[in-house]
Amino acid sequence: MILIPWHIAVLIPARNEEVLLPRCLESVLDACQQLPPLVTWDIIVAVDSSTDLTHEIAEHTLSGCGAVLTTKAQSVGEARRLAARKALERYAGSLSRCWLANTDADCFVPQSWLVDQLEIATRGRDAVAGIVDVDSFEDHAAEVQPRFRASYQINLDGTHPHVHGANLGMRADAYLRAGGWSDLKTAEDHDLWNRLLATGSRRQSIATMQVITSGRRVGRAPHGFAESLSAYNEVRFE
């Protein structure tokens, strides 16, 4: 049972995501509804350099349950940073009781996603990294799915080496102590995860916290997950 009130802010960068953003936001709203009554929540969508209806869809779907901001940064790291800043501007409580949950606009999260992170936070962890799975491999060669599964490392104790901005959570004071998101077009998640360690945060990687991401071959960030997944089409095993 959560005795001390918490606030959770879900941060989502989005660029030309009018097709996949609705399922993302609906899943996040569903996860928010599972939180205990004393837990407040907010959803911030940072629309970056979009030329489609991403902004309008975000505002319509949230219907006041959060905020939508616009930037021309063309940088996922900067979009995440702006979303975090907006979330903290909208929150007036203790930073040690504010949790920043991060995902991507082409993902959808399970109902327990935020409840699971809250439990980790109440056990004294400052940051948590989950894993991702793929919704469909239909755009790839038949060999890509087993290649991805075989190479995606999960340790026997349930830990893992992966860091995905699509499934990363942290306490707000730990986030600020680490310097926040950097203006990076790729690998912004690894950058922040490493700085969290360097500034003394208690991190946890856990494979039971999973989100589903799209299996598209061309993503929004250079050298991101979509490009890594697409590379399995070219893998040759001896």
Protein backbone atom coordinates (compact mmCIF):
# COMPACT_ATOMS: atom_id res chain seq x y z
CA MET A 1 0.00 0.00 0.00
CA ILE A 2 1.33 3.48 -0.90
CA LEU A 3 1.25 5.57 2.29
CA ILE A 4 3.18 8.63 1.10
CA PRO A 5 1.65 10.44 -1.89
CA TRP A 6 3.56 10.23 -5.16
CA HIS A 7 3.24 12.03 -8.45
CA ILE A 8 4.03 10.32 -11.75
CA ALA A 9 4.70 12.19 -14.97
CA VAL A 10 4.80 10.22 -18.21
CA LEU A 11 7.04 11.82 -20.85
CA ILE A 12 6.58 11.02 -24.54
CA PRO A 13 8.49 12.55 -27.48
CA ALA A 14 6.61 12.30 -30.78
CA ARG A 15 7.50 13.13 -34.36
CA ASN A 16 5.07 12.36 -37.20
CA GLU A 17 3.35 9.67 -35.14
CA GLU A 18 -0.30 10.21 -36.08
CA VAL A 19 -0.75 6.48 -36.81
CA LEU A 20 0.78 4.99 -33.65
CA LEU A 21 0.33 7.75 -31.08
CA PRO A 22 -3.32 6.94 -30.29
CA ARG A 23 -2.54 3.39 -29.10
CA CYS A 24 0.39 4.74 -27.08
CA LEU A 25 -1.66 7.36 -25.27
CA GLU A 26 -4.60 5.04 -24.70
CA SER A 27 -2.29 2.47 -23.10
CA VAL A 28 -0.63 5.13 -20.93
CA LEU A 29 -4.00 6.48 -19.82
CA ASP A 30 -5.05 2.94 -18.93
CA ALA A 31 -1.85 2.46 -16.90
CA CYS A 32 -2.50 5.74 -15.09
CA GLN A 33 -5.97 4.57 -14.13
CA GLN A 34 -4.44 1.58 -12.31
CA LEU A 35 -2.52 3.79 -9.86
CA PRO A 36 -3.65 4.06 -6.23
CA PRO A 37 -6.02 6.95 -5.43
CA LEU A 38 -3.39 9.02 -3.59
CA VAL A 39 -1.05 8.98 -6.59
CA THR A 40 -1.42 11.95 -8.93
CA TRP A 41 -0.31 11.76 -12.53
CA ASP A 42 0.36 13.79 -15.62
CA ILE A 43 1.19 13.02 -19.27
CA ILE A 44 3.42 15.29 -21.32
CA VAL A 45 3.79 14.86 -25.10
CA ALA A 46 6.62 16.77 -26.77
CA VAL A 47 5.81 17.05 -30.48
CA ASP A 48 9.07 17.58 -32.33
CA SER A 49 9.14 18.90 -35.90
CA SER A 50 5.98 17.07 -36.94
CA THR A 51 4.30 17.76 -40.26
CA ASP A 52 1.24 15.57 -39.68
CA LEU A 53 -1.60 15.56 -37.13
CA THR A 54 0.49 14.35 -34.17
CA HIS A 55 -0.15 17.50 -32.11
CA GLU A 56 -3.89 17.52 -32.74
CA ILE A 57 -4.21 13.82 -31.96
CA ALA A 58 -2.25 14.22 -28.72
CA GLU A 59 -4.45 17.06 -27.53
CA HIS A 60 -7.66 15.26 -28.49
CA THR A 61 -6.67 11.96 -26.88
CA LEU A 62 -5.41 13.49 -23.64
CA SER A 63 -8.48 15.77 -23.35
CA GLY A 64 -6.93 17.78 -20.53
CA CYS A 65 -5.20 14.85 -18.81
CA GLY A 66 -1.78 16.33 -19.46
CA ALA A 67 -0.06 18.78 -21.76
CA VAL A 68 1.21 18.90 -25.33
CA LEU A 69 4.16 21.09 -26.29
CA THR A 70 5.77 21.78 -29.64
CA THR A 71 9.43 22.10 -30.55
CA LYS A 72 11.51 22.28 -33.71
CA ALA A 73 14.55 20.71 -32.05
CA GLN A 74 14.73 17.66 -34.34
CA SER A 75 16.38 15.91 -31.38
CA VAL A 76 14.81 13.19 -29.27
CA GLY A 77 17.04 14.10 -26.34
CA GLU A 78 15.91 17.71 -26.43
CA ALA A 79 12.27 16.68 -26.82
CA ARG A 80 12.55 14.48 -23.73
CA ARG A 81 14.28 17.31 -21.84
CA LEU A 82 11.52 19.76 -22.69
CA ALA A 83 8.86 17.26 -21.67
CA ALA A 84 10.59 16.74 -18.32
CA ARG A 85 10.88 20.49 -17.77
CA LYS A 86 7.19 20.98 -18.51
CA ALA A 87 6.26 18.14 -16.16
CA LEU A 88 8.28 19.65 -13.30
CA GLU A 89 6.82 23.11 -13.96
CA ARG A 90 3.35 21.60 -13.51
CA TYR A 91 4.27 19.83 -10.27
CA ALA A 92 4.54 21.68 -6.96
CA GLY A 93 5.45 18.87 -4.56
CA SER A 94 8.63 17.22 -3.32
CA LEU A 95 11.00 16.11 -6.07
CA SER A 96 11.79 12.99 -4.05
CA ARG A 97 8.15 11.96 -4.52
CA CYS A 98 7.96 12.70 -8.25
CA TRP A 99 8.66 9.90 -10.71
CA LEU A 100 9.41 10.50 -14.40
CA ALA A 101 8.31 7.57 -16.58
CA ASN A 102 9.53 7.66 -20.17
CA THR A 103 8.25 5.91 -23.27
CA ASP A 104 8.01 6.52 -27.02
CA ALA A 105 5.07 7.39 -29.24
CA ASP A 106 5.33 4.14 -31.25
CA CYS A 107 5.07 2.00 -28.10
CA PHE A 108 2.26 0.75 -25.94
CA VAL A 109 2.63 -0.10 -22.28
CA PRO A 110 0.96 -2.76 -20.11
CA GLN A 111 -1.62 -1.85 -17.48
CA SER A 112 0.85 -2.52 -14.67
CA TRP A 113 3.64 -0.38 -16.16
CA LEU A 114 3.31 2.55 -13.76
CA VAL A 115 2.27 0.50 -10.75
CA ASP A 116 5.39 -1.61 -11.20
CA GLN A 117 7.60 1.47 -11.38
CA LEU A 118 5.97 2.94 -8.31
CA GLU A 119 6.68 -0.21 -6.34
CA ILE A 120 10.32 -0.05 -7.40
CA ALA A 121 10.47 3.59 -6.34
CA THR A 122 9.00 2.86 -2.92
CA ARG A 123 11.67 0.19 -2.41
CA GLY A 124 14.29 2.93 -2.60
CA ARG A 125 15.46 2.74 -6.19
CA ASP A 126 16.20 5.99 -8.00
CA ALA A 127 15.94 4.69 -11.57
CA VAL A 128 14.75 1.63 -13.45
CA ALA A 129 15.36 0.34 -16.96
CA GLY A 130 12.92 -2.11 -18.53
CA ILE A 131 13.01 -4.02 -21.79
CA VAL A 132 11.16 -3.88 -25.09
CA ASP A 133 9.55 -6.38 -27.41
CA VAL A 134 8.35 -5.91 -30.97
CA ASP A 135 4.71 -5.78 -32.04
CA SER A 136 5.22 -7.22 -35.52
CA PHE A 137 8.07 -8.42 -37.71
CA GLU A 138 6.02 -8.30 -40.91
CA ASP A 139 8.29 -5.66 -42.49
CA HIS A 140 11.33 -7.89 -42.02
CA ALA A 141 12.74 -11.11 -43.37
CA ALA A 142 11.53 -14.31 -41.71
CA GLU A 143 14.86 -14.78 -39.98
CA VAL A 144 14.77 -11.45 -38.13
CA GLN A 145 12.42 -12.47 -35.32
CA PRO A 146 14.48 -15.48 -34.14
CA ARG A 147 17.69 -13.50 -34.59
CA PHE A 148 16.36 -10.69 -32.43
CA ARG A 149 15.08 -13.07 -29.76
CA ALA A 150 18.36 -15.00 -29.65
CA SER A 151 20.51 -11.90 -29.28
CA TYR A 152 18.36 -9.92 -26.82
CA GLN A 153 20.12 -10.77 -23.58
CA ILE A 154 18.19 -11.44 -20.37
CA ASN A 155 20.19 -12.72 -17.41
CA LEU A 156 19.07 -15.64 -15.27
CA ASP A 157 18.40 -13.33 -12.32
CA GLY A 158 16.05 -11.16 -14.42
CA THR A 159 18.49 -8.32 -14.94
CA HIS A 160 19.62 -7.19 -18.38
CA PRO A 161 22.09 -4.81 -20.08
CA HIS A 162 19.55 -2.89 -22.18
CA VAL A 163 18.68 0.80 -21.89
CA HIS A 164 15.69 2.06 -23.86
CA GLY A 165 14.26 5.56 -23.64
CA ALA A 166 10.99 3.80 -24.44
CA ASN A 167 11.03 2.14 -21.02
CA LEU A 168 12.98 4.16 -18.49
CA GLY A 169 11.88 5.64 -15.18
CA MET A 170 13.60 7.76 -12.55
CA ARG A 171 12.91 9.91 -9.52
CA ALA A 172 12.88 13.62 -10.35
CA ASP A 173 15.59 14.59 -7.86
CA ALA A 174 17.90 11.89 -9.23
CA TYR A 175 17.12 13.08 -12.75
CA LEU A 176 18.09 16.66 -11.94
CA ARG A 177 21.16 15.59 -9.98
CA ALA A 178 22.36 13.73 -13.09
CA GLY A 179 21.83 16.78 -15.26
CA GLY A 180 18.71 15.63 -17.10
CA TRP A 181 18.33 14.62 -20.72
CA SER A 182 21.01 15.88 -23.09
CA ASP A 183 20.32 17.36 -26.52
CA LEU A 184 21.32 14.21 -28.39
CA LYS A 185 19.71 12.84 -31.54
CA THR A 186 20.53 9.27 -30.53
CA ALA A 187 21.80 7.31 -27.50
CA GLU A 188 20.32 9.92 -25.16
CA ASP A 189 19.03 7.08 -23.01
CA HIS A 190 22.44 5.47 -22.48
CA ASP A 191 23.93 8.90 -21.79
CA LEU A 192 21.47 9.66 -18.99
CA TRP A 193 21.59 6.12 -17.57
CA ASN A 194 25.38 6.38 -17.24
CA ARG A 195 25.17 9.79 -15.58
CA LEU A 196 22.62 8.49 -13.11
CA LEU A 197 25.19 5.92 -12.00
CA ALA A 198 27.97 8.50 -11.90
CA THR A 199 25.94 10.74 -9.60
CA GLY A 200 25.17 7.98 -7.12
CA SER A 201 21.68 6.91 -8.14
CA ARG A 202 20.51 3.44 -7.19
CA ARG A 203 19.60 1.90 -10.53
CA GLN A 204 17.79 -1.34 -11.34
CA SER A 205 17.36 -3.19 -14.62
CA ILE A 206 14.40 -5.54 -14.66
CA ALA A 207 13.12 -7.76 -17.43
CA THR A 208 9.60 -8.10 -16.04
CA MET A 209 8.93 -4.46 -16.93
CA GLN A 210 8.30 -4.60 -20.66
CA VAL A 211 6.78 -2.32 -23.28
CA ILE A 212 5.93 -3.18 -26.86
CA THR A 213 7.44 -1.09 -29.63
CA SER A 214 6.84 -0.99 -33.35
CA GLY A 215 8.75 -3.26 -35.70
CA ARG A 216 9.12 -0.63 -38.39
CA ARG A 217 12.33 -0.61 -40.37
CA VAL A 218 12.73 3.18 -40.46
CA GLY A 219 12.50 5.01 -37.16
CA ARG A 220 12.50 8.67 -36.13
CA ALA A 221 15.93 8.79 -34.45
CA PRO A 222 19.14 8.07 -36.38
CA HIS A 223 20.85 4.85 -35.27
CA GLY A 224 17.94 4.08 -32.97
CA PHE A 225 16.06 0.86 -32.23
CA ALA A 226 14.42 0.66 -35.67
CA GLU A 227 17.79 0.80 -37.38
CA SER A 228 19.23 -1.81 -35.02
CA LEU A 229 16.29 -4.11 -35.67
CA SER A 230 16.52 -3.58 -39.41
CA ALA A 231 20.18 -4.59 -39.31
CA TYR A 232 19.13 -8.15 -38.45
CA ASN A 233 17.95 -8.48 -42.04
CA GLU A 234 21.59 -8.35 -43.10
CA VAL A 235 23.00 -10.69 -40.43
CA ARG A 236 24.66 -13.80 -41.72
CA PHE A 237 25.33 -16.71 -39.39
CA GLU A 238 28.00 -19.31 -40.09
